[in-house]
PDB file of N, CA and C in Angstrom:
ATOM      1  N   MET A   1     150.421  45.383  85.670  1.00  0.00           N
ATOM      2  CA  MET A   1     150.967  44.527  85.518  1.00  0.00           C
ATOM      3  C   MET A   1     152.138  44.825  86.369  1.00  0.00           C
ATOM      4  N   ASP A   2     152.611  45.640  87.273  1.00  0.00           N
ATOM      5  CA  ASP A   2     153.080  45.661  87.923  1.00  0.00           C
ATOM      6  C   ASP A   2     153.172  44.782  88.819  1.00  0.00           C
ATOM      7  N   ALA A   3     152.071  44.084  89.178  1.00  0.00           N
ATOM      8  CA  ALA A   3     152.566  42.914  90.504  1.00  0.00           C
ATOM      9  C   ALA A   3     152.720  41.652  89.216  1.00  0.00           C
ATOM     10  N   LEU A   4     152.665  41.799  88.273  1.00  0.00           N
ATOM     11  CA  LEU A   4     152.940  40.643  87.810  1.00  0.00           C
ATOM     12  C   LEU A   4     155.120  40.871  87.565  1.00  0.00           C
ATOM     13  N   GLY A   5     155.037  42.063  87.703  1.00  0.00           N
ATOM     14  CA  GLY A   5     156.876  41.914  87.707  1.00  0.00           C
ATOM     15  C   GLY A   5     157.084  42.175  85.987  1.00  0.00           C
ATOM     16  N   ALA A   6     156.841  43.101  85.357  1.00  0.00           N
ATOM     17  CA  ALA A   6     156.666  43.299  83.615  1.00  0.00           C
ATOM     18  C   ALA A   6     157.755  44.100  84.200  1.00  0.00           C
ATOM     19  N   LYS A   7     158.635  44.399  82.848  1.00  0.00           N
ATOM     20  CA  LYS A   7     159.644  45.477  82.691  1.00  0.00           C
ATOM     21  C   LYS A   7     158.744  46.366  82.173  1.00  0.00           C
ATOM     22  N   VAL A   8     159.265  47.497  82.672  1.00  0.00           N
ATOM     23  CA  VAL A   8     158.962  48.882  81.995  1.00  0.00           C
ATOM     24  C   VAL A   8     159.057  48.641  80.178  1.00  0.00           C
ATOM     25  N   ILE A   9     159.654  48.417  79.614  1.00  0.00           N
ATOM     26  CA  ILE A   9     159.046  48.364  78.225  1.00  0.00           C
ATOM     27  C   ILE A   9     157.900  47.320  77.218  1.00  0.00           C
ATOM     28  N   ARG A  10     157.552  45.802  77.856  1.00  0.00           N
ATOM     29  CA  ARG A  10     156.636  45.885  78.039  1.00  0.00           C
ATOM     30  C   ARG A  10     154.980  45.995  78.454  1.00  0.00           C
ATOM     31  N   LYS A  11     155.123  47.261  79.933  1.00  0.00           N
ATOM     32  CA  LYS A  11     154.166  48.121  80.029  1.00  0.00           C
ATOM     33  C   LYS A  11     153.839  48.865  79.080  1.00  0.00           C
ATOM     34  N   THR A  12     155.521  49.810  78.690  1.00  0.00           N
ATOM     35  CA  THR A  12     154.699  50.577  77.800  1.00  0.00           C
ATOM     36  C   THR A  12     154.179  50.515  76.587  1.00  0.00           C
ATOM     37  N   ARG A  13     154.965  49.190  75.898  1.00  0.00           N
ATOM     38  CA  ARG A  13     153.997  48.341  74.897  1.00  0.00           C
ATOM     39  C   ARG A  13     152.651  48.348  74.447  1.00  0.00           C
ATOM     40  N   LEU A  14     152.415  47.598  75.839  1.00  0.00           N
ATOM     41  CA  LEU A  14     150.985  47.629  76.070  1.00  0.00           C
ATOM     42  C   LEU A  14     149.424  48.469  76.368  1.00  0.00           C
ATOM     43  N   VAL A  15     149.966  49.232  77.039  1.00  0.00           N
ATOM     44  CA  VAL A  15     149.775  50.564  77.373  1.00  0.00           C
ATOM     45  C   VAL A  15     149.245  51.714  76.050  1.00  0.00           C
ATOM     46  N   THR A  16     149.996  51.826  75.189  1.00  0.00           N
ATOM     47  CA  THR A  16     150.212  52.481  73.754  1.00  0.00           C
ATOM     48  C   THR A  16     149.707  51.434  72.809  1.00  0.00           C
ATOM     49  N   ALA A  17     149.008  49.817  73.018  1.00  0.00           N
ATOM     50  CA  ALA A  17     148.620  49.330  72.033  1.00  0.00           C
ATOM     51  C   ALA A  17     147.113  50.116  72.603  1.00  0.00           C
ATOM     52  N   VAL A  18     146.556  49.319  73.730  1.00  0.00           N
ATOM     53  CA  VAL A  18     145.556  49.571  74.485  1.00  0.00           C
ATOM     54  C   VAL A  18     145.014  50.925  74.443  1.00  0.00           C
ATOM     55  N   SER A  19     145.696  52.005  74.569  1.00  0.00           N
ATOM     56  CA  SER A  19     145.267  53.566  74.899  1.00  0.00           C
ATOM     57  C   SER A  19     144.447  54.013  72.977  1.00  0.00           C
ATOM     58  N   GLU A  20     145.800  52.712  72.043  1.00  0.00           N
ATOM     59  CA  GLU A  20     145.596  53.069  70.613  1.00  0.00           C
ATOM     60  C   GLU A  20     143.363  53.421  69.720  1.00  0.00           C
ATOM     61  N   ILE A  21     143.768  51.395  70.474  1.00  0.00           N
ATOM     62  CA  ILE A  21     142.537  50.582  70.601  1.00  0.00           C
ATOM     63  C   ILE A  21     140.915  51.508  71.311  1.00  0.00           C
ATOM     64  N   PHE A  22     141.323  51.439  72.226  1.00  0.00           N
ATOM     65  CA  PHE A  22     140.468  52.296  73.171  1.00  0.00           C
ATOM     66  C   PHE A  22     140.140  53.810  72.064  1.00  0.00           C
ATOM     67  N   ARG A  23     141.176  54.394  71.764  1.00  0.00           N
ATOM     68  CA  ARG A  23     140.723  55.839  70.936  1.00  0.00           C
ATOM     69  C   ARG A  23     139.867  55.881  69.966  1.00  0.00           C
ATOM     70  N   ASN A  24     140.378  54.484  69.175  1.00  0.00           N
ATOM     71  CA  ASN A  24     139.356  54.092  67.804  1.00  0.00           C
ATOM     72  C   ASN A  24     138.019  54.100  68.478  1.00  0.00           C
ATOM     73  N   GLY A  25     138.334  52.863  69.245  1.00  0.00           N
ATOM     74  CA  GLY A  25     136.662  53.263  69.755  1.00  0.00           C
ATOM     75  C   GLY A  25     135.301  54.329  70.792  1.00  0.00           C
ATOM     76  N   LEU A  26     136.860  54.827  70.956  1.00  0.00           N
ATOM     77  CA  LEU A  26     135.469  56.531  70.694  1.00  0.00           C
ATOM     78  C   LEU A  26     135.173  57.683  69.840  1.00  0.00           C
ATOM     79  N   ILE A  27     136.261  57.282  68.581  1.00  0.00           N
ATOM     80  CA  ILE A  27     136.113  58.111  67.730  1.00  0.00           C
ATOM     81  C   ILE A  27     135.406  57.728  66.750  1.00  0.00           C
ATOM     82  N   TYR A  28     135.716  56.062  66.603  1.00  0.00           N
ATOM     83  CA  TYR A  28     134.612  56.030  64.916  1.00  0.00           C
ATOM     84  C   TYR A  28     133.616  54.720  65.708  1.00  0.00           C
ATOM     85  N   GLY A  29     133.650  54.069  66.679  1.00  0.00           N
ATOM     86  CA  GLY A  29     132.668  53.185  67.740  1.00  0.00           C
ATOM     87  C   GLY A  29     131.616  54.370  68.812  1.00  0.00           C
ATOM     88  N   GLY A  30     132.266  56.062  69.009  1.00  0.00           N
ATOM     89  CA  GLY A  30     131.042  56.128  70.119  1.00  0.00           C
ATOM     90  C   GLY A  30     130.987  55.968  70.991  1.00  0.00           C
ATOM     91  N   GLY A  31     132.303  55.220  71.457  1.00  0.00           N
ATOM     92  CA  GLY A  31     132.678  55.587  72.924  1.00  0.00           C
ATOM     93  C   GLY A  31     133.007  53.356  73.461  1.00  0.00           C
ATOM     94  N   ALA A  32     133.482  53.410  74.065  1.00  0.00           N
ATOM     95  CA  ALA A  32     134.142  52.196  74.546  1.00  0.00           C
ATOM     96  C   ALA A  32     133.790  51.660  75.210  1.00  0.00           C
ATOM     97  N   LEU A  33     133.470  49.879  75.780  1.00  0.00           N
ATOM     98  CA  LEU A  33     133.842  49.432  77.177  1.00  0.00           C
ATOM     99  C   LEU A  33     135.226  48.979  77.456  1.00  0.00           C
ATOM    100  N   VAL A  34     135.657  48.806  77.879  1.00  0.00           N
ATOM    101  CA  VAL A  34     137.462  48.823  78.775  1.00  0.00           C
ATOM    102  C   VAL A  34     137.080  47.522  79.590  1.00  0.00           C
ATOM    103  N   LEU A  35     137.638  45.984  79.717  1.00  0.00           N
ATOM    104  CA  LEU A  35     137.604  45.115  80.385  1.00  0.00           C
ATOM    105  C   LEU A  35     138.945  45.023  80.777  1.00  0.00           C
ATOM    106  N   ILE A  36     140.021  44.498  81.697  1.00  0.00           N
ATOM    107  CA  ILE A  36     140.678  44.120  82.302  1.00  0.00           C
ATOM    108  C   ILE A  36     140.806  42.577  82.933  1.00  0.00           C
ATOM    109  N   HIS A  37     141.632  41.849  82.636  1.00  0.00           N
ATOM    110  CA  HIS A  37     141.604  40.381  82.860  1.00  0.00           C
ATOM    111  C   HIS A  37     143.602  40.086  83.331  1.00  0.00           C
ATOM    112  N   CYS A  38     143.880  39.964  84.236  1.00  0.00           N
ATOM    113  CA  CYS A  38     144.851  40.203  84.683  1.00  0.00           C
ATOM    114  C   CYS A  38     145.086  38.183  85.293  1.00  0.00           C
ATOM    115  N   HIS A  39     145.342  37.531  85.010  1.00  0.00           N
ATOM    116  CA  HIS A  39     146.181  36.296  84.827  1.00  0.00           C
ATOM    117  C   HIS A  39     147.285  36.164  85.707  1.00  0.00           C
ATOM    118  N   ASN A  40     147.712  35.736  86.761  1.00  0.00           N
ATOM    119  CA  ASN A  40     149.291  35.807  87.609  1.00  0.00           C
ATOM    120  C   ASN A  40     149.907  34.350  87.706  1.00  0.00           C
ATOM    121  N   ALA A  41     148.866  33.501  87.035  1.00  0.00           N
ATOM    122  CA  ALA A  41     149.693  32.134  87.021  1.00  0.00           C
ATOM    123  C   ALA A  41     150.337  32.087  85.889  1.00  0.00           C
ATOM    124  N   THR A  42     149.438  32.729  84.418  1.00  0.00           N
ATOM    125  CA  THR A  42     150.447  33.141  83.012  1.00  0.00           C
ATOM    126  C   THR A  42     151.509  34.211  82.844  1.00  0.00           C
ATOM    127  N   ARG A  43     150.713  34.947  84.014  1.00  0.00           N
ATOM    128  CA  ARG A  43     151.864  36.112  83.709  1.00  0.00           C
ATOM    129  C   ARG A  43     150.669  37.420  82.728  1.00  0.00           C
ATOM    130  N   THR A  44     150.091  36.775  82.348  1.00  0.00           N
ATOM    131  CA  THR A  44     149.731  37.660  81.449  1.00  0.00           C
ATOM    132  C   THR A  44     148.315  38.240  81.947  1.00  0.00           C
ATOM    133  N   VAL A  45     147.792  39.709  81.066  1.00  0.00           N
ATOM    134  CA  VAL A  45     147.040  41.281  81.049  1.00  0.00           C
ATOM    135  C   VAL A  45     146.467  40.386  79.978  1.00  0.00           C
ATOM    136  N   TRP A  46     145.119  40.602  80.085  1.00  0.00           N
ATOM    137  CA  TRP A  46     144.141  40.372  78.254  1.00  0.00           C
ATOM    138  C   TRP A  46     143.515  41.587  78.625  1.00  0.00           C
ATOM    139  N   ILE A  47     142.834  42.551  77.677  1.00  0.00           N
ATOM    140  CA  ILE A  47     142.443  43.871  77.779  1.00  0.00           C
ATOM    141  C   ILE A  47     141.414  43.368  76.451  1.00  0.00           C
ATOM    142  N   ASP A  48     140.000  43.884  77.259  1.00  0.00           N
ATOM    143  CA  ASP A  48     138.978  43.597  75.821  1.00  0.00           C
ATOM    144  C   ASP A  48     138.548  45.073  75.668  1.00  0.00           C
ATOM    145  N   CYS A  49     139.076  45.172  73.849  1.00  0.00           N
ATOM    146  CA  CYS A  49     137.845  47.075  73.983  1.00  0.00           C
ATOM    147  C   CYS A  49     136.565  46.604  73.388  1.00  0.00           C
ATOM    148  N   CYS A  50     135.404  47.015  73.531  1.00  0.00           N
ATOM    149  CA  CYS A  50     134.794  47.325  72.432  1.00  0.00           C
ATOM    150  C   CYS A  50     133.630  48.074  72.579  1.00  0.00           C
ATOM    151  N   ASP A  51     132.989  48.242  71.602  1.00  0.00           N
ATOM    152  CA  ASP A  51     132.042  49.092  70.832  1.00  0.00           C
ATOM    153  C   ASP A  51     131.363  48.868  69.998  1.00  0.00           C
ATOM    154  N   ASP A  52     130.490  49.444  70.280  1.00  0.00           N
ATOM    155  CA  ASP A  52     128.998  49.207  69.145  1.00  0.00           C
ATOM    156  C   ASP A  52     128.729  50.521  68.034  1.00  0.00           C
ATOM    157  N   GLY A  53     130.032  50.533  67.441  1.00  0.00           N
ATOM    158  CA  GLY A  53     130.123  51.334  65.903  1.00  0.00           C
ATOM    159  C   GLY A  53     129.623  50.743  65.170  1.00  0.00           C
ATOM    160  N   PRO A  54     130.088  51.053  64.380  1.00  0.00           N
ATOM    161  CA  PRO A  54     129.508  50.677  62.437  1.00  0.00           C
ATOM    162  C   PRO A  54     130.711  49.517  61.909  1.00  0.00           C
ATOM    163  N   GLY A  55     131.851  48.847  62.720  1.00  0.00           N
ATOM    164  CA  GLY A  55     132.022  48.005  62.877  1.00  0.00           C
ATOM    165  C   GLY A  55     133.031  48.189  61.869  1.00  0.00           C
ATOM    166  N   ILE A  56     133.754  46.917  61.478  1.00  0.00           N
ATOM    167  CA  ILE A  56     135.013  47.241  60.407  1.00  0.00           C
ATOM    168  C   ILE A  56     134.365  46.228  58.838  1.00  0.00           C
ATOM    169  N   GLU A  57     133.889  46.150  58.096  1.00  0.00           N
ATOM    170  CA  GLU A  57     134.061  45.800  57.038  1.00  0.00           C
ATOM    171  C   GLU A  57     134.840  44.913  55.621  1.00  0.00           C
ATOM    172  N   ASP A  58     136.428  45.916  55.720  1.00  0.00           N
ATOM    173  CA  ASP A  58     137.830  44.705  55.272  1.00  0.00           C
ATOM    174  C   ASP A  58     138.376  44.916  56.018  1.00  0.00           C
ATOM    175  N   MET A  59     138.892  43.607  56.928  1.00  0.00           N
ATOM    176  CA  MET A  59     139.702  43.324  58.246  1.00  0.00           C
ATOM    177  C   MET A  59     141.281  43.751  57.785  1.00  0.00           C
ATOM    178  N   ALA A  60     141.139  42.958  56.842  1.00  0.00           N
ATOM    179  CA  ALA A  60     142.907  43.729  56.304  1.00  0.00           C
ATOM    180  C   ALA A  60     143.244  44.720  55.926  1.00  0.00           C
ATOM    181  N   LEU A  61     142.393  45.440  54.778  1.00  0.00           N
ATOM    182  CA  LEU A  61     142.374  47.250  55.030  1.00  0.00           C
ATOM    183  C   LEU A  61     142.495  47.667  56.282  1.00  0.00           C
ATOM    184  N   ALA A  62     141.699  47.109  56.811  1.00  0.00           N
ATOM    185  CA  ALA A  62     141.951  48.407  58.207  1.00  0.00           C
ATOM    186  C   ALA A  62     143.328  47.611  58.890  1.00  0.00           C
ATOM    187  N   LEU A  63     143.331  46.809  59.055  1.00  0.00           N
ATOM    188  CA  LEU A  63     145.076  46.463  59.358  1.00  0.00           C
ATOM    189  C   LEU A  63     146.240  46.920  58.950  1.00  0.00           C
ATOM    190  N   SER A  64     146.393  47.128  57.558  1.00  0.00           N
ATOM    191  CA  SER A  64     147.129  47.298  56.696  1.00  0.00           C
ATOM    192  C   SER A  64     147.836  49.177  57.136  1.00  0.00           C
ATOM    193  N   ASP A  65     149.326  48.767  57.535  1.00  0.00           N
ATOM    194  CA  ASP A  65     149.971  50.448  57.100  1.00  0.00           C
ATOM    195  C   ASP A  65     149.353  51.717  56.150  1.00  0.00           C
ATOM    196  N   GLY A  66     148.920  52.492  56.902  1.00  0.00           N
ATOM    197  CA  GLY A  66     148.147  54.305  55.923  1.00  0.00           C
ATOM    198  C   GLY A  66     146.683  54.188  55.714  1.00  0.00           C
ATOM    199  N   TYR A  67     146.330  53.024  56.103  1.00  0.00           N
ATOM    200  CA  TYR A  67     145.224  53.014  56.118  1.00  0.00           C
ATOM    201  C   TYR A  67     144.378  53.326  56.796  1.00  0.00           C
ATOM    202  N   THR A  68     143.469  54.827  56.986  1.00  0.00           N
ATOM    203  CA  THR A  68     142.421  54.773  57.750  1.00  0.00           C
ATOM    204  C   THR A  68     141.120  55.294  57.306  1.00  0.00           C
ATOM    205  N   SER A  69     140.371  55.659  58.240  1.00  0.00           N
ATOM    206  CA  SER A  69     138.244  55.715  57.590  1.00  0.00           C
ATOM    207  C   SER A  69     138.715  57.322  58.477  1.00  0.00           C
ATOM    208  N   GLY A  70     139.130  58.101  59.014  1.00  0.00           N
ATOM    209  CA  GLY A  70     139.385  59.138  59.827  1.00  0.00           C
ATOM    210  C   GLY A  70     140.320  59.758  58.509  1.00  0.00           C
ATOM    211  N   SER A  71     141.087  60.697  59.650  1.00  0.00           N
ATOM    212  CA  SER A  71     142.321  61.935  59.291  1.00  0.00           C
ATOM    213  C   SER A  71     143.116  61.878  60.031  1.00  0.00           C
ATOM    214  N   GLY A  72     143.777  60.106  60.615  1.00  0.00           N
ATOM    215  CA  GLY A  72     144.679  60.249  61.743  1.00  0.00           C
ATOM    216  C   GLY A  72     145.624  59.045  60.506  1.00  0.00           C
ATOM    217  N   LEU A  73     146.778  58.948  60.797  1.00  0.00           N
ATOM    218  CA  LEU A  73     147.648  58.621  60.122  1.00  0.00           C
ATOM    219  C   LEU A  73     147.653  57.345  59.808  1.00  0.00           C
ATOM    220  N   GLY A  74     146.607  56.045  59.948  1.00  0.00           N
ATOM    221  CA  GLY A  74     146.615  55.050  58.943  1.00  0.00           C
ATOM    222  C   GLY A  74     147.489  53.843  60.065  1.00  0.00           C
ATOM    223  N   ARG A  75     147.710  54.085  61.186  1.00  0.00           N
ATOM    224  CA  ARG A  75     148.656  53.060  61.806  1.00  0.00           C
ATOM    225  C   ARG A  75     148.370  52.581  63.276  1.00  0.00           C
ATOM    226  N   GLY A  76     146.841  53.003  63.672  1.00  0.00           N
ATOM    227  CA  GLY A  76     146.641  52.121  65.198  1.00  0.00           C
ATOM    228  C   GLY A  76     146.296  50.948  65.273  1.00  0.00           C
ATOM    229  N   LEU A  77     145.560  50.225  64.411  1.00  0.00           N
ATOM    230  CA  LEU A  77     145.418  48.807  64.681  1.00  0.00           C
ATOM    231  C   LEU A  77     146.590  47.536  64.385  1.00  0.00           C
ATOM    232  N   GLY A  78     146.806  48.173  63.317  1.00  0.00           N
ATOM    233  CA  GLY A  78     148.062  47.336  62.755  1.00  0.00           C
ATOM    234  C   GLY A  78     149.752  47.418  63.775  1.00  0.00           C
ATOM    235  N   GLY A  79     149.481  48.694  64.559  1.00  0.00           N
ATOM    236  CA  GLY A  79     150.486  48.726  64.836  1.00  0.00           C
ATOM    237  C   GLY A  79     150.312  48.541  66.781  1.00  0.00           C
ATOM    238  N   ALA A  80     148.986  48.570  67.334  1.00  0.00           N
ATOM    239  CA  ALA A  80     148.836  47.902  68.164  1.00  0.00           C
ATOM    240  C   ALA A  80     148.477  46.343  67.936  1.00  0.00           C
ATOM    241  N   LYS A  81     148.082  45.665  67.002  1.00  0.00           N
ATOM    242  CA  LYS A  81     148.480  44.149  67.108  1.00  0.00           C
ATOM    243  C   LYS A  81     150.343  43.781  66.778  1.00  0.00           C
ATOM    244  N   ARG A  82     151.379  45.084  66.508  1.00  0.00           N
ATOM    245  CA  ARG A  82     152.203  44.759  66.518  1.00  0.00           C
ATOM    246  C   ARG A  82     152.915  44.695  68.012  1.00  0.00           C
ATOM    247  N   LEU A  83     152.135  45.783  68.504  1.00  0.00           N
ATOM    248  CA  LEU A  83     152.948  45.757  69.743  1.00  0.00           C
ATOM    249  C   LEU A  83     152.673  45.068  71.098  1.00  0.00           C
ATOM    250  N   ALA A  84     151.092  44.343  70.864  1.00  0.00           N
ATOM    251  CA  ALA A  84     150.945  43.466  71.717  1.00  0.00           C
ATOM    252  C   ALA A  84     151.271  41.792  71.797  1.00  0.00           C
ATOM    253  N   ASP A  85     151.482  41.150  72.762  1.00  0.00           N
ATOM    254  CA  ASP A  85     151.716  39.845  72.906  1.00  0.00           C
ATOM    255  C   ASP A  85     150.390  38.948  72.069  1.00  0.00           C
ATOM    256  N   ALA A  86     149.044  39.861  72.025  1.00  0.00           N
ATOM    257  CA  ALA A  86     148.265  38.399  71.456  1.00  0.00           C
ATOM    258  C   ALA A  86     147.729  39.603  70.883  1.00  0.00           C
ATOM    259  N   PHE A  87     146.706  39.410  70.036  1.00  0.00           N
ATOM    260  CA  PHE A  87     145.791  40.526  69.376  1.00  0.00           C
ATOM    261  C   PHE A  87     144.959  39.513  68.275  1.00  0.00           C
ATOM    262  N   GLU A  88     143.283  40.363  68.644  1.00  0.00           N
ATOM    263  CA  GLU A  88     142.585  39.688  67.627  1.00  0.00           C
ATOM    264  C   GLU A  88     141.093  40.407  67.751  1.00  0.00           C
ATOM    265  N   VAL A  89     140.731  40.745  66.568  1.00  0.00           N
ATOM    266  CA  VAL A  89     139.911  41.209  66.500  1.00  0.00           C
ATOM    267  C   VAL A  89     137.943  40.557  66.234  1.00  0.00           C
ATOM    268  N   LEU A  90     137.510  41.200  66.787  1.00  0.00           N
ATOM    269  CA  LEU A  90     136.403  40.168  66.062  1.00  0.00           C
ATOM    270  C   LEU A  90     135.089  41.590  65.820  1.00  0.00           C
ATOM    271  N   SER A  91     134.222  41.381  65.007  1.00  0.00           N
ATOM    272  CA  SER A  91     133.926  42.707  64.033  1.00  0.00           C
ATOM    273  C   SER A  91     132.891  42.744  63.067  1.00  0.00           C
ATOM    274  N   GLU A  92     131.381  42.879  63.128  1.00  0.00           N
ATOM    275  CA  GLU A  92     130.619  43.021  62.028  1.00  0.00           C
ATOM    276  C   GLU A  92     129.830  44.299  61.980  1.00  0.00           C
ATOM    277  N   PRO A  93     129.844  44.263  60.518  1.00  0.00           N
ATOM    278  CA  PRO A  93     129.309  45.859  60.067  1.00  0.00           C
ATOM    279  C   PRO A  93     127.949  45.623  60.204  1.00  0.00           C
ATOM    280  N   GLY A  94     128.237  46.996  61.440  1.00  0.00           N
ATOM    281  CA  GLY A  94     126.614  47.677  62.013  1.00  0.00           C
ATOM    282  C   GLY A  94     126.110  46.677  63.324  1.00  0.00           C
ATOM    283  N   ILE A  95     127.202  46.255  63.940  1.00  0.00           N
ATOM    284  CA  ILE A  95     126.927  45.605  64.965  1.00  0.00           C
ATOM    285  C   ILE A  95     128.100  46.435  65.830  1.00  0.00           C
ATOM    286  N   GLY A  96     129.575  46.315  66.007  1.00  0.00           N
ATOM    287  CA  GLY A  96     130.179  47.124  66.714  1.00  0.00           C
ATOM    288  C   GLY A  96     131.803  45.787  66.449  1.00  0.00           C
ATOM    289  N   THR A  97     132.326  46.060  67.431  1.00  0.00           N
ATOM    290  CA  THR A  97     134.299  45.522  67.317  1.00  0.00           C
ATOM    291  C   THR A  97     134.378  45.905  68.763  1.00  0.00           C
ATOM    292  N   GLN A  98     134.892  44.220  68.908  1.00  0.00           N
ATOM    293  CA  GLN A  98     135.957  44.326  69.772  1.00  0.00           C
ATOM    294  C   GLN A  98     137.139  43.456  69.695  1.00  0.00           C
ATOM    295  N   VAL A  99     137.807  44.102  70.051  1.00  0.00           N
ATOM    296  CA  VAL A  99     139.348  43.793  70.507  1.00  0.00           C
ATOM    297  C   VAL A  99     139.820  43.236  71.300  1.00  0.00           C
ATOM    298  N   ARG A 100     140.538  42.263  71.297  1.00  0.00           N
ATOM    299  CA  ARG A 100     141.357  41.608  72.990  1.00  0.00           C
ATOM    300  C   ARG A 100     142.841  42.004  72.421  1.00  0.00           C
ATOM    301  N   LEU A 101     143.549  42.156  73.690  1.00  0.00           N
ATOM    302  CA  LEU A 101     145.055  42.089  73.641  1.00  0.00           C
ATOM    303  C   LEU A 101     145.282  41.385  74.352  1.00  0.00           C
ATOM    304  N   ALA A 102     146.609  41.225  74.224  1.00  0.00           N
ATOM    305  CA  ALA A 102     147.397  39.970  75.904  1.00  0.00           C
ATOM    306  C   ALA A 102     148.438  41.162  75.994  1.00  0.00           C
ATOM    307  N   GLY A 103     149.059  40.959  76.699  1.00  0.00           N
ATOM    308  CA  GLY A 103     150.687  41.868  77.148  1.00  0.00           C
ATOM    309  C   GLY A 103     151.133  40.588  78.220  1.00  0.00           C
ATOM    310  N   ARG A 104     152.536  40.172  77.724  1.00  0.00           N
ATOM    311  CA  ARG A 104     153.067  39.060  79.191  1.00  0.00           C
ATOM    312  C   ARG A 104     154.817  40.356  79.674  1.00  0.00           C
ATOM    313  N   ALA A 105     154.767  39.120  80.834  1.00  0.00           N
ATOM    314  CA  ALA A 105     155.421  40.128  82.212  1.00  0.00           C
ATOM    315  C   ALA A 105     156.923  39.655  81.463  1.00  0.00           C
TER     316      ALA A 105
END
């Protein structure tokens, strides 16, 4: 986002959101693939985090603050959604999860 002229707070918000989603992919998805797309014309960075884990059965529950399927605080998925400028989750139980987030400069 440096090349797009983003302010420090914008970069920090996106990095925090991505690190939380990536961490979830490592812990719950057994690993994660991260793809980064930079769109100069729209001054937007898109990040896709994908895993082949068990998927998310109840998306509304998973996005609610305080819910965790492990031992965390239960603020990761919902917190990442609040920090990103755009947020989308595609998940299928038994197949895996893809989270796409975006940050604008």
